[in-house]
Amino acid sequence: MNENASTGHGAAPDTASSVAPKVGFVSLGCPKALTDSELILTQLSAEGYQTSKTFEGADLVIVNTCGFIDDAV
């Protein structure tokens, strides 16, 4: 059983036997969205993902937007 399966997270890529998947990322909106984007990228990196320099070279593209109605504190 994959150790990540019990935490509710998807399986991490097997970097020993395959090429790590690449993720493209764009953060739109407020400073809170940027902070969240940095946290997401840190977690993806820890799970073995690489950041793609272009969206065309990415296996996955994430667009993180701001949905706050009031100012974030």
PDB file of N, CA and C in Angstrom:
ATOM      1  N   MET A   1       0.848  -1.182   0.000  1.00  0.00           N
ATOM      2  CA  MET A   1       0.000   0.000   0.000  1.00  0.00           C
ATOM      3  C   MET A   1       0.886   1.236   0.000  1.00  0.00           C
ATOM      4  N   ASN A   2       0.542   2.207  -0.786  1.00  0.00           N
ATOM      5  CA  ASN A   2       1.301   3.455  -0.852  1.00  0.00           C
ATOM      6  C   ASN A   2       1.148   4.207   0.457  1.00  0.00           C
ATOM      7  N   GLU A   3       2.246   4.691   1.007  1.00  0.00           N
ATOM      8  CA  GLU A   3       2.202   5.390   2.280  1.00  0.00           C
ATOM      9  C   GLU A   3       1.354   6.649   2.206  1.00  0.00           C
ATOM     10  N   ASN A   4       1.237   7.293   1.044  1.00  0.00           N
ATOM     11  CA  ASN A   4       0.428   8.496   0.900  1.00  0.00           C
ATOM     12  C   ASN A   4      -1.060   8.192   0.842  1.00  0.00           C
ATOM     13  N   ALA A   5      -1.425   6.957   0.544  1.00  0.00           N
ATOM     14  CA  ALA A   5      -2.838   6.612   0.425  1.00  0.00           C
ATOM     15  C   ALA A   5      -3.567   6.809   1.743  1.00  0.00           C
ATOM     16  N   SER A   6      -2.905   6.556   2.864  1.00  0.00           N
ATOM     17  CA  SER A   6      -3.555   6.692   4.157  1.00  0.00           C
ATOM     18  C   SER A   6      -3.744   8.142   4.571  1.00  0.00           C
ATOM     19  N   THR A   7      -3.029   9.065   3.955  1.00  0.00           N
ATOM     20  CA  THR A   7      -3.153  10.475   4.316  1.00  0.00           C
ATOM     21  C   THR A   7      -4.182  11.194   3.466  1.00  0.00           C
ATOM     22  N   GLY A   8      -4.734  10.518   2.469  1.00  0.00           N
ATOM     23  CA  GLY A   8      -5.702  11.155   1.607  1.00  0.00           C
ATOM     24  C   GLY A   8      -5.080  11.883   0.436  1.00  0.00           C
ATOM     25  N   HIS A   9      -3.752  11.885   0.341  1.00  0.00           N
ATOM     26  CA  HIS A   9      -3.069  12.523  -0.773  1.00  0.00           C
ATOM     27  C   HIS A   9      -2.896  11.515  -1.898  1.00  0.00           C
ATOM     28  N   GLY A  10      -2.769  12.025  -3.107  1.00  0.00           N
ATOM     29  CA  GLY A  10      -2.494  11.159  -4.246  1.00  0.00           C
ATOM     30  C   GLY A  10      -1.115  10.562  -4.115  1.00  0.00           C
ATOM     31  N   ALA A  11      -0.873   9.536  -4.872  1.00  0.00           N
ATOM     32  CA  ALA A  11       0.431   8.885  -4.835  1.00  0.00           C
ATOM     33  C   ALA A  11       1.500   9.813  -5.378  1.00  0.00           C
ATOM     34  N   ALA A  12       2.607   9.866  -4.710  1.00  0.00           N
ATOM     35  CA  ALA A  12       3.741  10.665  -5.180  1.00  0.00           C
ATOM     36  C   ALA A  12       4.362   9.968  -6.381  1.00  0.00           C
ATOM     37  N   PRO A  13       4.916  10.736  -7.299  1.00  0.00           N
ATOM     38  CA  PRO A  13       5.542  10.102  -8.456  1.00  0.00           C
ATOM     39  C   PRO A  13       6.740   9.263  -8.044  1.00  0.00           C
ATOM     40  N   ASP A  14       6.940   8.151  -8.717  1.00  0.00           N
ATOM     41  CA  ASP A  14       8.073   7.275  -8.451  1.00  0.00           C
ATOM     42  C   ASP A  14       9.262   7.779  -9.256  1.00  0.00           C
ATOM     43  N   THR A  15      10.054   8.665  -8.644  1.00  0.00           N
ATOM     44  CA  THR A  15      11.151   9.306  -9.364  1.00  0.00           C
ATOM     45  C   THR A  15      12.319   8.367  -9.605  1.00  0.00           C
ATOM     46  N   ALA A  16      12.375   7.240  -8.895  1.00  0.00           N
ATOM     47  CA  ALA A  16      13.485   6.310  -9.083  1.00  0.00           C
ATOM     48  C   ALA A  16      13.354   5.555 -10.407  1.00  0.00           C
ATOM     49  N   SER A  17      12.124   5.301 -10.838  1.00  0.00           N
ATOM     50  CA  SER A  17      11.942   4.501 -12.041  1.00  0.00           C
ATOM     51  C   SER A  17      11.315   5.268 -13.198  1.00  0.00           C
ATOM     52  N   SER A  18      10.979   6.524 -13.003  1.00  0.00           N
ATOM     53  CA  SER A  18      10.353   7.293 -14.070  1.00  0.00           C
ATOM     54  C   SER A  18      10.750   8.763 -13.959  1.00  0.00           C
ATOM     55  N   VAL A  19      10.412   9.502 -14.991  1.00  0.00           N
ATOM     56  CA  VAL A  19      10.684  10.934 -14.990  1.00  0.00           C
ATOM     57  C   VAL A  19       9.627  11.622 -14.132  1.00  0.00           C
ATOM     58  N   ALA A  20      10.058  12.539 -13.287  1.00  0.00           N
ATOM     59  CA  ALA A  20       9.126  13.259 -12.426  1.00  0.00           C
ATOM     60  C   ALA A  20       8.186  14.113 -13.267  1.00  0.00           C
ATOM     61  N   PRO A  21       6.895  14.131 -12.925  1.00  0.00           N
ATOM     62  CA  PRO A  21       5.964  14.975 -13.664  1.00  0.00           C
ATOM     63  C   PRO A  21       6.291  16.451 -13.451  1.00  0.00           C
ATOM     64  N   LYS A  22       5.984  17.248 -14.460  1.00  0.00           N
ATOM     65  CA  LYS A  22       6.257  18.682 -14.391  1.00  0.00           C
ATOM     66  C   LYS A  22       4.949  19.441 -14.255  1.00  0.00           C
ATOM     67  N   VAL A  23       4.974  20.470 -13.413  1.00  0.00           N
ATOM     68  CA  VAL A  23       3.793  21.276 -13.168  1.00  0.00           C
ATOM     69  C   VAL A  23       4.070  22.728 -13.547  1.00  0.00           C
ATOM     70  N   GLY A  24       3.122  23.323 -14.258  1.00  0.00           N
ATOM     71  CA  GLY A  24       3.154  24.751 -14.539  1.00  0.00           C
ATOM     72  C   GLY A  24       2.232  25.434 -13.548  1.00  0.00           C
ATOM     73  N   PHE A  25       2.566  26.628 -13.133  1.00  0.00           N
ATOM     74  CA  PHE A  25       1.790  27.270 -12.082  1.00  0.00           C
ATOM     75  C   PHE A  25       1.663  28.751 -12.368  1.00  0.00           C
ATOM     76  N   VAL A  26       0.453  29.275 -12.205  1.00  0.00           N
ATOM     77  CA  VAL A  26       0.237  30.715 -12.308  1.00  0.00           C
ATOM     78  C   VAL A  26      -0.639  31.134 -11.130  1.00  0.00           C
ATOM     79  N   SER A  27      -0.247  32.214 -10.476  1.00  0.00           N
ATOM     80  CA  SER A  27      -0.980  32.732  -9.333  1.00  0.00           C
ATOM     81  C   SER A  27      -1.563  34.091  -9.707  1.00  0.00           C
ATOM     82  N   LEU A  28      -2.877  34.204  -9.630  1.00  0.00           N
ATOM     83  CA  LEU A  28      -3.570  35.444  -9.977  1.00  0.00           C
ATOM     84  C   LEU A  28      -4.292  35.980  -8.745  1.00  0.00           C
ATOM     85  N   GLY A  29      -4.300  37.276  -8.590  1.00  0.00           N
ATOM     86  CA  GLY A  29      -5.094  37.852  -7.513  1.00  0.00           C
ATOM     87  C   GLY A  29      -4.271  38.451  -6.404  1.00  0.00           C
ATOM     88  N   CYS A  30      -4.771  38.286  -5.207  1.00  0.00           N
ATOM     89  CA  CYS A  30      -4.257  38.986  -4.030  1.00  0.00           C
ATOM     90  C   CYS A  30      -2.979  38.346  -3.470  1.00  0.00           C
ATOM     91  N   PRO A  31      -2.348  39.039  -2.515  1.00  0.00           N
ATOM     92  CA  PRO A  31      -1.140  38.488  -1.872  1.00  0.00           C
ATOM     93  C   PRO A  31      -1.388  37.152  -1.158  1.00  0.00           C
ATOM     94  N   LYS A  32      -2.597  36.928  -0.644  1.00  0.00           N
ATOM     95  CA  LYS A  32      -2.914  35.654   0.007  1.00  0.00           C
ATOM     96  C   LYS A  32      -2.850  34.511  -1.003  1.00  0.00           C
ATOM     97  N   ALA A  33      -3.318  34.762  -2.229  1.00  0.00           N
ATOM     98  CA  ALA A  33      -3.246  33.737  -3.274  1.00  0.00           C
ATOM     99  C   ALA A  33      -1.792  33.408  -3.597  1.00  0.00           C
ATOM    100  N   LEU A  34      -0.933  34.411  -3.601  1.00  0.00           N
ATOM    101  CA  LEU A  34       0.490  34.180  -3.861  1.00  0.00           C
ATOM    102  C   LEU A  34       1.106  33.322  -2.757  1.00  0.00           C
ATOM    103  N   THR A  35       0.768  33.626  -1.515  1.00  0.00           N
ATOM    104  CA  THR A  35       1.266  32.830  -0.391  1.00  0.00           C
ATOM    105  C   THR A  35       0.781  31.388  -0.503  1.00  0.00           C
ATOM    106  N   ASP A  36      -0.498  31.212  -0.818  1.00  0.00           N
ATOM    107  CA  ASP A  36      -1.040  29.861  -0.994  1.00  0.00           C
ATOM    108  C   ASP A  36      -0.328  29.129  -2.128  1.00  0.00           C
ATOM    109  N   SER A  37      -0.047  29.840  -3.219  1.00  0.00           N
ATOM    110  CA  SER A  37       0.651  29.239  -4.357  1.00  0.00           C
ATOM    111  C   SER A  37       2.033  28.747  -3.952  1.00  0.00           C
ATOM    112  N   GLU A  38       2.739  29.539  -3.158  1.00  0.00           N
ATOM    113  CA  GLU A  38       4.069  29.139  -2.699  1.00  0.00           C
ATOM    114  C   GLU A  38       3.992  27.889  -1.833  1.00  0.00           C
ATOM    115  N   LEU A  39       2.971  27.800  -0.987  1.00  0.00           N
ATOM    116  CA  LEU A  39       2.794  26.613  -0.149  1.00  0.00           C
ATOM    117  C   LEU A  39       2.476  25.381  -1.002  1.00  0.00           C
ATOM    118  N   ILE A  40       1.633  25.555  -2.007  1.00  0.00           N
ATOM    119  CA  ILE A  40       1.284  24.444  -2.897  1.00  0.00           C
ATOM    120  C   ILE A  40       2.517  23.961  -3.648  1.00  0.00           C
ATOM    121  N   LEU A  41       3.294  24.889  -4.189  1.00  0.00           N
ATOM    122  CA  LEU A  41       4.507  24.510  -4.929  1.00  0.00           C
ATOM    123  C   LEU A  41       5.523  23.816  -4.029  1.00  0.00           C
ATOM    124  N   THR A  42       5.641  24.269  -2.787  1.00  0.00           N
ATOM    125  CA  THR A  42       6.548  23.629  -1.832  1.00  0.00           C
ATOM    126  C   THR A  42       6.122  22.183  -1.585  1.00  0.00           C
ATOM    127  N   GLN A  43       4.818  21.957  -1.410  1.00  0.00           N
ATOM    128  CA  GLN A  43       4.316  20.603  -1.175  1.00  0.00           C
ATOM    129  C   GLN A  43       4.519  19.722  -2.405  1.00  0.00           C
ATOM    130  N   LEU A  44       4.225  20.257  -3.582  1.00  0.00           N
ATOM    131  CA  LEU A  44       4.420  19.475  -4.805  1.00  0.00           C
ATOM    132  C   LEU A  44       5.888  19.098  -4.988  1.00  0.00           C
ATOM    133  N   SER A  45       6.777  20.018  -4.698  1.00  0.00           N
ATOM    134  CA  SER A  45       8.213  19.748  -4.799  1.00  0.00           C
ATOM    135  C   SER A  45       8.622  18.641  -3.828  1.00  0.00           C
ATOM    136  N   ALA A  46       8.092  18.699  -2.611  1.00  0.00           N
ATOM    137  CA  ALA A  46       8.401  17.678  -1.609  1.00  0.00           C
ATOM    138  C   ALA A  46       7.902  16.300  -2.042  1.00  0.00           C
ATOM    139  N   GLU A  47       6.851  16.270  -2.862  1.00  0.00           N
ATOM    140  CA  GLU A  47       6.299  15.006  -3.339  1.00  0.00           C
ATOM    141  C   GLU A  47       6.928  14.549  -4.652  1.00  0.00           C
ATOM    142  N   GLY A  48       7.954  15.284  -5.115  1.00  0.00           N
ATOM    143  CA  GLY A  48       8.711  14.824  -6.272  1.00  0.00           C
ATOM    144  C   GLY A  48       8.383  15.477  -7.596  1.00  0.00           C
ATOM    145  N   TYR A  49       7.515  16.464  -7.597  1.00  0.00           N
ATOM    146  CA  TYR A  49       7.178  17.157  -8.838  1.00  0.00           C
ATOM    147  C   TYR A  49       8.237  18.205  -9.157  1.00  0.00           C
ATOM    148  N   GLN A  50       8.402  18.483 -10.438  1.00  0.00           N
ATOM    149  CA  GLN A  50       9.307  19.536 -10.883  1.00  0.00           C
ATOM    150  C   GLN A  50       8.478  20.672 -11.462  1.00  0.00           C
ATOM    151  N   THR A  51       9.005  21.897 -11.379  1.00  0.00           N
ATOM    152  CA  THR A  51       8.342  23.047 -11.978  1.00  0.00           C
ATOM    153  C   THR A  51       8.776  23.169 -13.427  1.00  0.00           C
ATOM    154  N   SER A  52       7.799  23.306 -14.310  1.00  0.00           N
ATOM    155  CA  SER A  52       8.080  23.464 -15.731  1.00  0.00           C
ATOM    156  C   SER A  52       8.333  24.936 -16.041  1.00  0.00           C
ATOM    157  N   LYS A  53       9.293  25.202 -16.918  1.00  0.00           N
ATOM    158  CA  LYS A  53       9.592  26.581 -17.302  1.00  0.00           C
ATOM    159  C   LYS A  53       8.533  27.148 -18.239  1.00  0.00           C
ATOM    160  N   THR A  54       7.809  26.267 -18.929  1.00  0.00           N
ATOM    161  CA  THR A  54       6.740  26.707 -19.830  1.00  0.00           C
ATOM    162  C   THR A  54       5.496  25.866 -19.577  1.00  0.00           C
ATOM    163  N   PHE A  55       4.344  26.417 -19.899  1.00  0.00           N
ATOM    164  CA  PHE A  55       3.114  25.645 -19.763  1.00  0.00           C
ATOM    165  C   PHE A  55       3.079  24.511 -20.777  1.00  0.00           C
ATOM    166  N   GLU A  56       3.670  24.737 -21.945  1.00  0.00           N
ATOM    167  CA  GLU A  56       3.695  23.709 -22.975  1.00  0.00           C
ATOM    168  C   GLU A  56       4.491  22.486 -22.522  1.00  0.00           C
ATOM    169  N   GLY A  57       5.486  22.680 -21.664  1.00  0.00           N
ATOM    170  CA  GLY A  57       6.307  21.583 -21.181  1.00  0.00           C
ATOM    171  C   GLY A  57       5.774  20.924 -19.926  1.00  0.00           C
ATOM    172  N   ALA A  58       4.621  21.378 -19.452  1.00  0.00           N
ATOM    173  CA  ALA A  58       4.062  20.866 -18.199  1.00  0.00           C
ATOM    174  C   ALA A  58       3.118  19.697 -18.445  1.00  0.00           C
ATOM    175  N   ASP A  59       3.119  18.759 -17.508  1.00  0.00           N
ATOM    176  CA  ASP A  59       2.141  17.676 -17.519  1.00  0.00           C
ATOM    177  C   ASP A  59       0.823  18.146 -16.908  1.00  0.00           C
ATOM    178  N   LEU A  60       0.911  19.167 -16.074  1.00  0.00           N
ATOM    179  CA  LEU A  60      -0.229  19.714 -15.349  1.00  0.00           C
ATOM    180  C   LEU A  60      -0.015  21.208 -15.191  1.00  0.00           C
ATOM    181  N   VAL A  61      -1.068  22.001 -15.376  1.00  0.00           N
ATOM    182  CA  VAL A  61      -0.986  23.444 -15.138  1.00  0.00           C
ATOM    183  C   VAL A  61      -2.032  23.798 -14.089  1.00  0.00           C
ATOM    184  N   ILE A  62      -1.598  24.474 -13.040  1.00  0.00           N
ATOM    185  CA  ILE A  62      -2.488  24.912 -11.970  1.00  0.00           C
ATOM    186  C   ILE A  62      -2.623  26.423 -12.056  1.00  0.00           C
ATOM    187  N   VAL A  63      -3.873  26.906 -12.021  1.00  0.00           N
ATOM    188  CA  VAL A  63      -4.146  28.340 -11.978  1.00  0.00           C
ATOM    189  C   VAL A  63      -4.797  28.611 -10.632  1.00  0.00           C
ATOM    190  N   ASN A  64      -4.108  29.343  -9.777  1.00  0.00           N
ATOM    191  CA  ASN A  64      -4.611  29.667  -8.449  1.00  0.00           C
ATOM    192  C   ASN A  64      -5.109  31.105  -8.472  1.00  0.00           C
ATOM    193  N   THR A  65      -6.395  31.283  -8.177  1.00  0.00           N
ATOM    194  CA  THR A  65      -6.986  32.618  -8.199  1.00  0.00           C
ATOM    195  C   THR A  65      -7.458  33.015  -6.813  1.00  0.00           C
ATOM    196  N   CYS A  66      -7.805  34.262  -6.678  1.00  0.00           N
ATOM    197  CA  CYS A  66      -8.271  34.804  -5.404  1.00  0.00           C
ATOM    198  C   CYS A  66      -9.795  34.806  -5.377  1.00  0.00           C
ATOM    199  N   GLY A  67     -10.354  34.329  -4.292  1.00  0.00           N
ATOM    200  CA  GLY A  67     -11.801  34.307  -4.149  1.00  0.00           C
ATOM    201  C   GLY A  67     -12.277  35.054  -2.924  1.00  0.00           C
ATOM    202  N   PHE A  68     -11.426  35.888  -2.348  1.00  0.00           N
ATOM    203  CA  PHE A  68     -11.803  36.625  -1.150  1.00  0.00           C
ATOM    204  C   PHE A  68     -12.717  37.788  -1.502  1.00  0.00           C
ATOM    205  N   ILE A  69     -13.753  37.970  -0.716  1.00  0.00           N
ATOM    206  CA  ILE A  69     -14.649  39.116  -0.881  1.00  0.00           C
ATOM    207  C   ILE A  69     -14.126  40.281  -0.048  1.00  0.00           C
ATOM    208  N   ASP A  70     -13.649  39.986   1.168  1.00  0.00           N
ATOM    209  CA  ASP A  70     -13.082  40.996   2.057  1.00  0.00           C
ATOM    210  C   ASP A  70     -11.570  40.879   2.041  1.00  0.00           C
ATOM    211  N   ASP A  71     -10.881  41.915   2.528  1.00  0.00           N
ATOM    212  CA  ASP A  71      -9.426  41.886   2.610  1.00  0.00           C
ATOM    213  C   ASP A  71      -8.965  40.749   3.513  1.00  0.00           C
ATOM    214  N   ALA A  72      -7.942  40.046   3.073  1.00  0.00           N
ATOM    215  CA  ALA A  72      -7.332  39.004   3.899  1.00  0.00           C
ATOM    216  C   ALA A  72      -6.464  39.672   4.950  1.00  0.00           C
ATOM    217  N   VAL A  73      -6.468  39.136   6.155  1.00  0.00           N
ATOM    218  CA  VAL A  73      -5.636  39.691   7.230  1.00  0.00           C
ATOM    219  C   VAL A  73      -4.558  38.726   7.623  1.00  0.00           C
TER     220      VAL A  73
END
